[in-house]
Amino acid sequence: MIDHVYISVTNIDKSLAFYSEALKPLGWSVFGNYDSASGPEGIPHLYGIGDDVFASGKAVGSSIWLRQRESGETGLYLGIVCDTNELVDAAYAAAIKAGGTDEGKPADRAYFAAGYYAANVADFDGNRIEFVHKAWNPKRHS
């Protein structure tokens, strides 16, 4: 399941208005921003839009985070749900073994939220993947 996607845009206000309106019929809404000053260097300002279950705690939801595009930047940032910290570790190890580039070893990321455990890799084209376990998410059923 996809947890979140970062979309790099050239105009935050215009893009936030666009995605907000385009996704409204599907139950998505703007829910808040992440101020990069509260995290480590390299984490950008983020502007969040989530589906109707994203913040409910009743199910695992999805979100889109808009970020200001840097000069020359391309590619995708995709967060993938993992049910446990151990699965984050396993997916990270498999991605590195398959030739991915380390962009953040598995660790607690309390600067996002307590219980947020993640690891980051990049593929050969610079697309980024975050394997993430959020302790508050209910377990998915097989």
Protein backbone atom coordinates (compact mmCIF):
# COMPACT_ATOMS: atom_id res chain seq x y z
CA MET A 1 0.00 0.00 0.00
CA ILE A 2 1.22 3.50 -0.75
CA ASP A 3 1.49 5.62 2.40
CA HIS A 4 2.53 8.94 0.89
CA VAL A 5 3.94 10.63 -2.19
CA TYR A 6 5.98 13.83 -2.42
CA ILE A 7 5.26 15.87 -5.54
CA SER A 8 7.82 18.56 -6.37
CA VAL A 9 6.02 21.58 -7.80
CA THR A 10 7.05 24.99 -9.10
CA ASN A 11 4.26 26.95 -7.36
CA ILE A 12 3.07 25.70 -3.95
CA ASP A 13 -0.05 27.92 -3.69
CA LYS A 14 -1.28 27.15 -7.19
CA SER A 15 -0.57 23.43 -6.83
CA LEU A 16 -2.16 23.21 -3.38
CA ALA A 17 -5.32 24.81 -4.76
CA PHE A 18 -5.29 22.45 -7.76
CA TYR A 19 -4.81 19.20 -5.80
CA SER A 20 -7.22 20.30 -3.09
CA GLU A 21 -10.02 20.89 -5.59
CA ALA A 22 -9.21 17.93 -7.84
CA LEU A 23 -9.22 15.45 -4.94
CA LYS A 24 -12.14 16.93 -2.96
CA PRO A 25 -14.77 14.70 -4.66
CA LEU A 26 -12.73 11.68 -3.49
CA GLY A 27 -12.82 12.77 0.16
CA TRP A 28 -9.30 14.25 0.24
CA SER A 29 -8.57 17.54 2.01
CA VAL A 30 -5.72 19.81 3.05
CA PHE A 31 -4.72 18.86 6.59
CA GLY A 32 -1.59 20.83 7.38
CA ASN A 33 2.04 21.66 6.76
CA TYR A 34 5.37 20.32 7.95
CA ASP A 35 7.85 23.07 8.80
CA SER A 36 11.35 22.00 7.82
CA ALA A 37 12.81 23.94 10.78
CA SER A 38 11.53 21.16 13.08
CA GLY A 39 13.52 18.40 11.33
CA PRO A 40 17.04 17.62 10.19
CA GLU A 41 18.79 19.40 7.34
CA GLY A 42 17.55 18.34 3.93
CA ILE A 43 13.90 17.83 4.90
CA PRO A 44 11.91 20.45 2.95
CA HIS A 45 8.76 22.37 3.89
CA LEU A 46 5.84 20.07 3.06
CA TYR A 47 2.17 20.82 2.41
CA GLY A 48 -0.19 17.90 3.11
CA ILE A 49 -3.38 16.66 1.49
CA GLY A 50 -4.86 13.41 2.83
CA ASP A 51 -7.65 11.00 2.07
CA ASP A 52 -10.64 10.69 4.39
CA VAL A 53 -9.00 8.03 6.59
CA PHE A 54 -5.47 9.47 6.73
CA ALA A 55 -5.79 11.04 10.19
CA SER A 56 -8.72 8.98 11.47
CA GLY A 57 -6.72 6.13 13.00
CA LYS A 58 -9.45 3.72 11.82
CA ALA A 59 -7.50 2.49 8.81
CA VAL A 60 -4.25 3.11 6.97
CA GLY A 61 -4.73 6.19 4.82
CA SER A 62 -2.76 7.89 2.08
CA SER A 63 -1.36 11.38 1.69
CA ILE A 64 0.27 13.65 -0.87
CA TRP A 65 2.88 16.15 0.25
CA LEU A 66 3.72 19.05 -2.02
CA ARG A 67 7.23 20.46 -1.87
CA GLN A 68 8.97 23.29 -3.67
CA ARG A 69 10.90 21.97 -6.65
CA GLU A 70 14.61 22.71 -6.57
CA SER A 71 16.44 23.79 -9.70
CA GLY A 72 17.12 20.77 -11.94
CA GLU A 73 15.17 18.41 -9.70
CA THR A 74 13.16 15.56 -11.16
CA GLY A 75 11.91 12.24 -9.92
CA LEU A 76 9.40 10.82 -7.51
CA TYR A 77 9.33 10.28 -3.73
CA LEU A 78 7.15 7.36 -2.70
CA GLY A 79 6.39 6.18 0.85
CA ILE A 80 5.45 2.50 1.16
CA VAL A 81 3.63 1.08 4.20
CA CYS A 82 5.41 -1.58 6.26
CA ASP A 83 3.54 -3.33 9.08
CA THR A 84 6.58 -3.53 11.40
CA ASN A 85 9.97 -1.96 11.97
CA GLU A 86 11.53 -5.29 10.99
CA LEU A 87 9.86 -5.10 7.58
CA VAL A 88 11.30 -1.59 7.13
CA ASP A 89 14.75 -3.05 7.87
CA ALA A 90 14.21 -5.98 5.48
CA ALA A 91 12.94 -3.82 2.59
CA TYR A 92 15.81 -1.36 3.05
CA ALA A 93 18.38 -4.19 3.04
CA ALA A 94 16.83 -5.76 -0.07
CA ALA A 95 16.80 -2.41 -1.90
CA ILE A 96 20.46 -1.76 -1.07
CA LYS A 97 21.39 -5.30 -2.15
CA ALA A 98 19.54 -4.72 -5.43
CA GLY A 99 21.75 -1.70 -6.14
CA GLY A 100 19.81 1.12 -4.47
CA THR A 101 21.61 4.07 -2.88
CA ASP A 102 21.30 4.75 0.84
CA GLU A 103 19.44 7.99 1.59
CA GLY A 104 18.76 7.31 5.27
CA LYS A 105 19.35 4.10 7.23
CA PRO A 106 16.43 2.58 9.19
CA ALA A 107 15.73 4.69 12.28
CA ASP A 108 13.10 6.37 14.38
CA ARG A 109 12.07 9.66 12.80
CA ALA A 110 10.52 11.33 15.85
CA TYR A 111 10.86 14.72 14.16
CA PHE A 112 7.83 13.65 12.09
CA ALA A 113 5.93 11.91 14.91
CA ALA A 114 6.51 9.51 17.80
CA GLY A 115 6.39 5.93 16.48
CA TYR A 116 7.48 6.90 12.94
CA TYR A 117 10.19 4.45 11.82
CA ALA A 118 11.57 4.65 8.30
CA ALA A 119 14.42 4.09 5.87
CA ASN A 120 15.15 5.77 2.55
CA VAL A 121 16.76 4.60 -0.70
CA ALA A 122 17.11 5.93 -4.23
CA ASP A 123 16.95 3.93 -7.44
CA PHE A 124 19.27 4.28 -10.44
CA ASP A 125 17.34 7.29 -11.78
CA GLY A 126 17.15 9.23 -8.51
CA ASN A 127 13.58 8.26 -7.65
CA ARG A 128 13.29 7.93 -3.88
CA ILE A 129 11.51 5.30 -1.81
CA GLU A 130 10.73 5.56 1.89
CA PHE A 131 9.83 2.33 3.68
CA VAL A 132 7.75 3.44 6.68
CA HIS A 133 6.11 1.90 9.72
CA LYS A 134 3.79 4.18 11.68
CA ALA A 135 3.13 2.65 15.09
CA TRP A 136 -0.37 4.14 15.22
CA ASN A 137 -1.55 2.51 11.98
CA PRO A 138 -3.82 -0.48 12.46
CA LYS A 139 -2.42 -3.74 11.09
CA ARG A 140 -3.49 -4.48 7.55
CA HIS A 141 -5.40 -7.71 6.95
CA SER A 142 -4.04 -10.21 4.45
